[in-house]
Amino acid sequence: MAGKRQVREVKHSKRTRRHPDEIFIYGRLLLLNLHARAIGEVIKGLARAGAVLKNEAAYFGSMVEEARAFLSQNVVETALPDLLYQ
C-alpha cells in the first residue's frame, strides 16, 4: 500500500495549475488557428471553382497564414509572459 501512495503523490505533484486568463488566451489562439485553416480551405475551394486565379489564391492564403502567425506571436510575447510569471 505504501508504494501505491507514493506513486499517487508523485503523479499529483506533477500537475500544474494554469491561470484562468491563460486558459482563455490559449482557447482563443486555438479558435484563431482553426478559423485560419477554414479560411484557407475556402480560398482553395474558390480557386478550384475558378472564382479566383490560382496564383492569387496562393497569395491570399499566405496573407491569412502570415496574419495568423503574427497575431499568435504577438499574443505569446505580450500576454502570456505576464501571466506565467505572476
N, C-alpha and C. Protein backbone atom coordinates (compact mmCIF):
# COMPACT_ATOMS: atom_id res chain seq x y z
N MET A 1 0.81 -1.21 0.00
CA MET A 1 0.00 0.00 0.00
C MET A 1 0.85 1.27 0.00
N ALA A 2 1.93 1.24 0.72
CA ALA A 2 2.77 2.43 0.80
C ALA A 2 3.29 2.81 -0.58
N GLY A 3 3.62 1.80 -1.38
CA GLY A 3 4.11 2.07 -2.73
C GLY A 3 3.08 2.76 -3.60
N LYS A 4 1.82 2.35 -3.49
CA LYS A 4 0.76 2.97 -4.28
C LYS A 4 0.56 4.42 -3.87
N ARG A 5 0.65 4.68 -2.58
CA ARG A 5 0.50 6.07 -2.11
C ARG A 5 1.61 6.95 -2.67
N GLN A 6 2.81 6.44 -2.69
CA GLN A 6 3.93 7.22 -3.21
C GLN A 6 3.74 7.53 -4.69
N VAL A 7 3.27 6.56 -5.44
CA VAL A 7 3.03 6.78 -6.87
C VAL A 7 1.96 7.83 -7.06
N ARG A 8 0.89 7.77 -6.30
CA ARG A 8 -0.17 8.78 -6.40
C ARG A 8 0.36 10.16 -6.05
N GLU A 9 1.19 10.25 -5.02
CA GLU A 9 1.73 11.55 -4.63
C GLU A 9 2.62 12.11 -5.72
N VAL A 10 3.42 11.27 -6.36
CA VAL A 10 4.29 11.74 -7.43
C VAL A 10 3.44 12.23 -8.60
N LYS A 11 2.42 11.45 -8.99
CA LYS A 11 1.56 11.88 -10.09
C LYS A 11 0.87 13.19 -9.76
N HIS A 12 0.41 13.34 -8.54
CA HIS A 12 -0.28 14.57 -8.14
C HIS A 12 0.66 15.75 -8.15
N SER A 13 1.91 15.56 -7.75
CA SER A 13 2.83 16.67 -7.66
C SER A 13 3.25 17.19 -9.03
N LYS A 14 3.10 16.36 -10.07
CA LYS A 14 3.48 16.80 -11.41
C LYS A 14 2.41 17.68 -12.07
N ARG A 15 1.24 17.72 -11.50
CA ARG A 15 0.18 18.54 -12.07
C ARG A 15 0.53 20.02 -11.90
N THR A 16 0.21 20.80 -12.92
CA THR A 16 0.41 22.24 -12.82
C THR A 16 -0.93 22.93 -13.00
N ARG A 17 -1.10 23.98 -12.29
CA ARG A 17 -2.34 24.75 -12.43
C ARG A 17 -2.10 25.90 -13.39
N ARG A 18 -3.06 26.14 -14.21
CA ARG A 18 -2.96 27.25 -15.16
C ARG A 18 -3.84 28.40 -14.68
N HIS A 19 -3.37 29.58 -14.96
CA HIS A 19 -4.12 30.79 -14.66
C HIS A 19 -5.35 30.82 -15.56
N PRO A 20 -6.53 31.21 -15.06
CA PRO A 20 -7.74 31.22 -15.90
C PRO A 20 -7.60 32.07 -17.16
N ASP A 21 -6.90 33.19 -17.05
CA ASP A 21 -6.71 34.02 -18.25
C ASP A 21 -5.84 33.32 -19.28
N GLU A 22 -4.88 32.55 -18.80
CA GLU A 22 -4.01 31.81 -19.71
C GLU A 22 -4.82 30.78 -20.49
N ILE A 23 -5.71 30.10 -19.82
CA ILE A 23 -6.57 29.11 -20.48
C ILE A 23 -7.46 29.81 -21.52
N PHE A 24 -8.01 30.97 -21.17
CA PHE A 24 -8.84 31.73 -22.10
C PHE A 24 -8.03 32.11 -23.34
N ILE A 25 -6.79 32.58 -23.13
CA ILE A 25 -5.96 33.00 -24.26
C ILE A 25 -5.62 31.82 -25.15
N TYR A 26 -5.24 30.69 -24.56
CA TYR A 26 -4.96 29.51 -25.38
C TYR A 26 -6.19 29.06 -26.15
N GLY A 27 -7.35 29.18 -25.55
CA GLY A 27 -8.59 28.83 -26.25
C GLY A 27 -8.83 29.72 -27.45
N ARG A 28 -8.57 31.00 -27.27
CA ARG A 28 -8.75 31.95 -28.38
C ARG A 28 -7.74 31.71 -29.48
N LEU A 29 -6.50 31.37 -29.11
CA LEU A 29 -5.49 31.06 -30.12
C LEU A 29 -5.88 29.81 -30.90
N LEU A 30 -6.46 28.84 -30.22
CA LEU A 30 -6.94 27.65 -30.90
C LEU A 30 -8.02 28.02 -31.92
N LEU A 31 -8.95 28.87 -31.51
CA LEU A 31 -10.00 29.31 -32.44
C LEU A 31 -9.40 30.05 -33.63
N LEU A 32 -8.41 30.90 -33.37
CA LEU A 32 -7.75 31.62 -34.45
C LEU A 32 -7.15 30.64 -35.45
N ASN A 33 -6.45 29.63 -34.96
CA ASN A 33 -5.83 28.65 -35.84
C ASN A 33 -6.87 27.86 -36.63
N LEU A 34 -7.95 27.46 -35.98
CA LEU A 34 -9.00 26.71 -36.67
C LEU A 34 -9.68 27.54 -37.75
N HIS A 35 -9.98 28.79 -37.44
CA HIS A 35 -10.64 29.65 -38.42
C HIS A 35 -9.72 30.02 -39.56
N ALA A 36 -8.42 30.21 -39.27
CA ALA A 36 -7.47 30.50 -40.34
C ALA A 36 -7.39 29.31 -41.30
N ARG A 37 -7.39 28.10 -40.75
CA ARG A 37 -7.38 26.91 -41.59
C ARG A 37 -8.65 26.85 -42.45
N ALA A 38 -9.80 27.19 -41.85
CA ALA A 38 -11.07 27.17 -42.60
C ALA A 38 -11.05 28.21 -43.72
N ILE A 39 -10.52 29.38 -43.44
CA ILE A 39 -10.42 30.41 -44.48
C ILE A 39 -9.54 29.92 -45.63
N GLY A 40 -8.43 29.26 -45.27
CA GLY A 40 -7.55 28.70 -46.30
C GLY A 40 -8.28 27.69 -47.17
N GLU A 41 -9.10 26.86 -46.55
CA GLU A 41 -9.87 25.87 -47.32
C GLU A 41 -10.89 26.55 -48.23
N VAL A 42 -11.51 27.61 -47.76
CA VAL A 42 -12.48 28.34 -48.59
C VAL A 42 -11.76 28.95 -49.80
N ILE A 43 -10.59 29.53 -49.56
CA ILE A 43 -9.83 30.12 -50.66
C ILE A 43 -9.46 29.05 -51.68
N LYS A 44 -9.01 27.88 -51.21
CA LYS A 44 -8.67 26.78 -52.13
C LYS A 44 -9.90 26.33 -52.91
N GLY A 45 -11.05 26.28 -52.25
CA GLY A 45 -12.28 25.90 -52.93
C GLY A 45 -12.67 26.89 -54.01
N LEU A 46 -12.50 28.16 -53.70
CA LEU A 46 -12.78 29.19 -54.71
C LEU A 46 -11.84 29.07 -55.89
N ALA A 47 -10.59 28.74 -55.63
CA ALA A 47 -9.62 28.58 -56.72
C ALA A 47 -9.99 27.37 -57.58
N ARG A 48 -10.41 26.26 -56.94
CA ARG A 48 -10.81 25.07 -57.69
C ARG A 48 -12.03 25.36 -58.56
N ALA A 49 -12.93 26.21 -58.07
CA ALA A 49 -14.14 26.54 -58.82
C ALA A 49 -13.88 27.56 -59.92
N GLY A 50 -12.69 28.13 -59.93
CA GLY A 50 -12.35 29.11 -60.95
C GLY A 50 -12.78 30.52 -60.60
N ALA A 51 -13.23 30.75 -59.37
CA ALA A 51 -13.67 32.08 -58.97
C ALA A 51 -12.48 32.99 -58.64
N VAL A 52 -11.34 32.36 -58.34
CA VAL A 52 -10.12 33.12 -58.01
C VAL A 52 -8.99 32.46 -58.78
N LEU A 53 -8.10 33.27 -59.33
CA LEU A 53 -6.94 32.70 -60.01
C LEU A 53 -6.06 31.96 -59.00
N LYS A 54 -5.41 30.88 -59.46
CA LYS A 54 -4.64 30.04 -58.54
C LYS A 54 -3.49 30.81 -57.88
N ASN A 55 -2.80 31.66 -58.63
CA ASN A 55 -1.70 32.41 -58.01
C ASN A 55 -2.22 33.45 -57.00
N GLU A 56 -3.38 34.01 -57.28
CA GLU A 56 -3.99 34.93 -56.32
C GLU A 56 -4.47 34.18 -55.08
N ALA A 57 -5.00 32.98 -55.25
CA ALA A 57 -5.44 32.17 -54.12
C ALA A 57 -4.26 31.85 -53.21
N ALA A 58 -3.12 31.53 -53.81
CA ALA A 58 -1.92 31.26 -53.01
C ALA A 58 -1.50 32.51 -52.25
N TYR A 59 -1.60 33.66 -52.89
CA TYR A 59 -1.25 34.93 -52.24
C TYR A 59 -2.19 35.21 -51.06
N PHE A 60 -3.49 35.05 -51.29
CA PHE A 60 -4.45 35.30 -50.21
C PHE A 60 -4.26 34.32 -49.06
N GLY A 61 -3.99 33.06 -49.39
CA GLY A 61 -3.74 32.06 -48.36
C GLY A 61 -2.52 32.40 -47.53
N SER A 62 -1.47 32.87 -48.19
CA SER A 62 -0.26 33.24 -47.44
C SER A 62 -0.50 34.47 -46.57
N MET A 63 -1.36 35.38 -47.03
CA MET A 63 -1.69 36.55 -46.20
C MET A 63 -2.43 36.12 -44.94
N VAL A 64 -3.37 35.19 -45.08
CA VAL A 64 -4.11 34.69 -43.91
C VAL A 64 -3.14 34.01 -42.94
N GLU A 65 -2.25 33.17 -43.47
CA GLU A 65 -1.28 32.45 -42.63
C GLU A 65 -0.33 33.43 -41.93
N GLU A 66 0.10 34.45 -42.66
CA GLU A 66 1.00 35.45 -42.06
C GLU A 66 0.30 36.24 -40.96
N ALA A 67 -0.94 36.63 -41.18
CA ALA A 67 -1.69 37.35 -40.15
C ALA A 67 -1.88 36.48 -38.91
N ARG A 68 -2.20 35.19 -39.12
CA ARG A 68 -2.37 34.26 -38.01
C ARG A 68 -1.08 34.12 -37.21
N ALA A 69 0.04 33.97 -37.92
CA ALA A 69 1.33 33.79 -37.26
C ALA A 69 1.74 35.04 -36.48
N PHE A 70 1.58 36.21 -37.08
CA PHE A 70 1.95 37.45 -36.39
C PHE A 70 1.09 37.68 -35.15
N LEU A 71 -0.19 37.42 -35.27
CA LEU A 71 -1.09 37.62 -34.13
C LEU A 71 -0.76 36.64 -33.01
N SER A 72 -0.53 35.39 -33.35
CA SER A 72 -0.16 34.39 -32.33
C SER A 72 1.13 34.79 -31.63
N GLN A 73 2.13 35.20 -32.39
CA GLN A 73 3.41 35.60 -31.82
C GLN A 73 3.24 36.81 -30.90
N ASN A 74 2.43 37.76 -31.33
CA ASN A 74 2.20 38.95 -30.52
C ASN A 74 1.53 38.60 -29.20
N VAL A 75 0.55 37.71 -29.24
CA VAL A 75 -0.14 37.31 -28.01
C VAL A 75 0.82 36.61 -27.06
N VAL A 76 1.64 35.72 -27.60
CA VAL A 76 2.59 34.98 -26.76
C VAL A 76 3.59 35.93 -26.13
N GLU A 77 4.07 36.90 -26.88
CA GLU A 77 5.06 37.83 -26.35
C GLU A 77 4.46 38.85 -25.40
N THR A 78 3.20 39.21 -25.59
CA THR A 78 2.60 40.27 -24.80
C THR A 78 1.87 39.77 -23.57
N ALA A 79 0.96 38.85 -23.74
CA ALA A 79 0.07 38.47 -22.64
C ALA A 79 0.58 37.32 -21.80
N LEU A 80 1.09 36.30 -22.42
CA LEU A 80 1.42 35.09 -21.67
C LEU A 80 2.57 35.24 -20.69
N PRO A 81 3.67 35.95 -21.02
CA PRO A 81 4.73 36.08 -20.01
C PRO A 81 4.25 36.75 -18.72
N ASP A 82 3.35 37.71 -18.84
CA ASP A 82 2.81 38.38 -17.65
C ASP A 82 2.04 37.40 -16.78
N LEU A 83 1.31 36.50 -17.41
CA LEU A 83 0.52 35.53 -16.65
C LEU A 83 1.41 34.44 -16.05
N LEU A 84 2.43 34.05 -16.78
CA LEU A 84 3.27 32.94 -16.31
C LEU A 84 4.15 33.33 -15.13
N TYR A 85 4.52 34.58 -15.06
CA TYR A 85 5.46 35.00 -14.02
C TYR A 85 4.81 35.87 -12.95
N GLN A 86 3.54 35.66 -12.70
CA GLN A 86 2.86 36.42 -11.64
C GLN A 86 3.16 35.83 -10.30
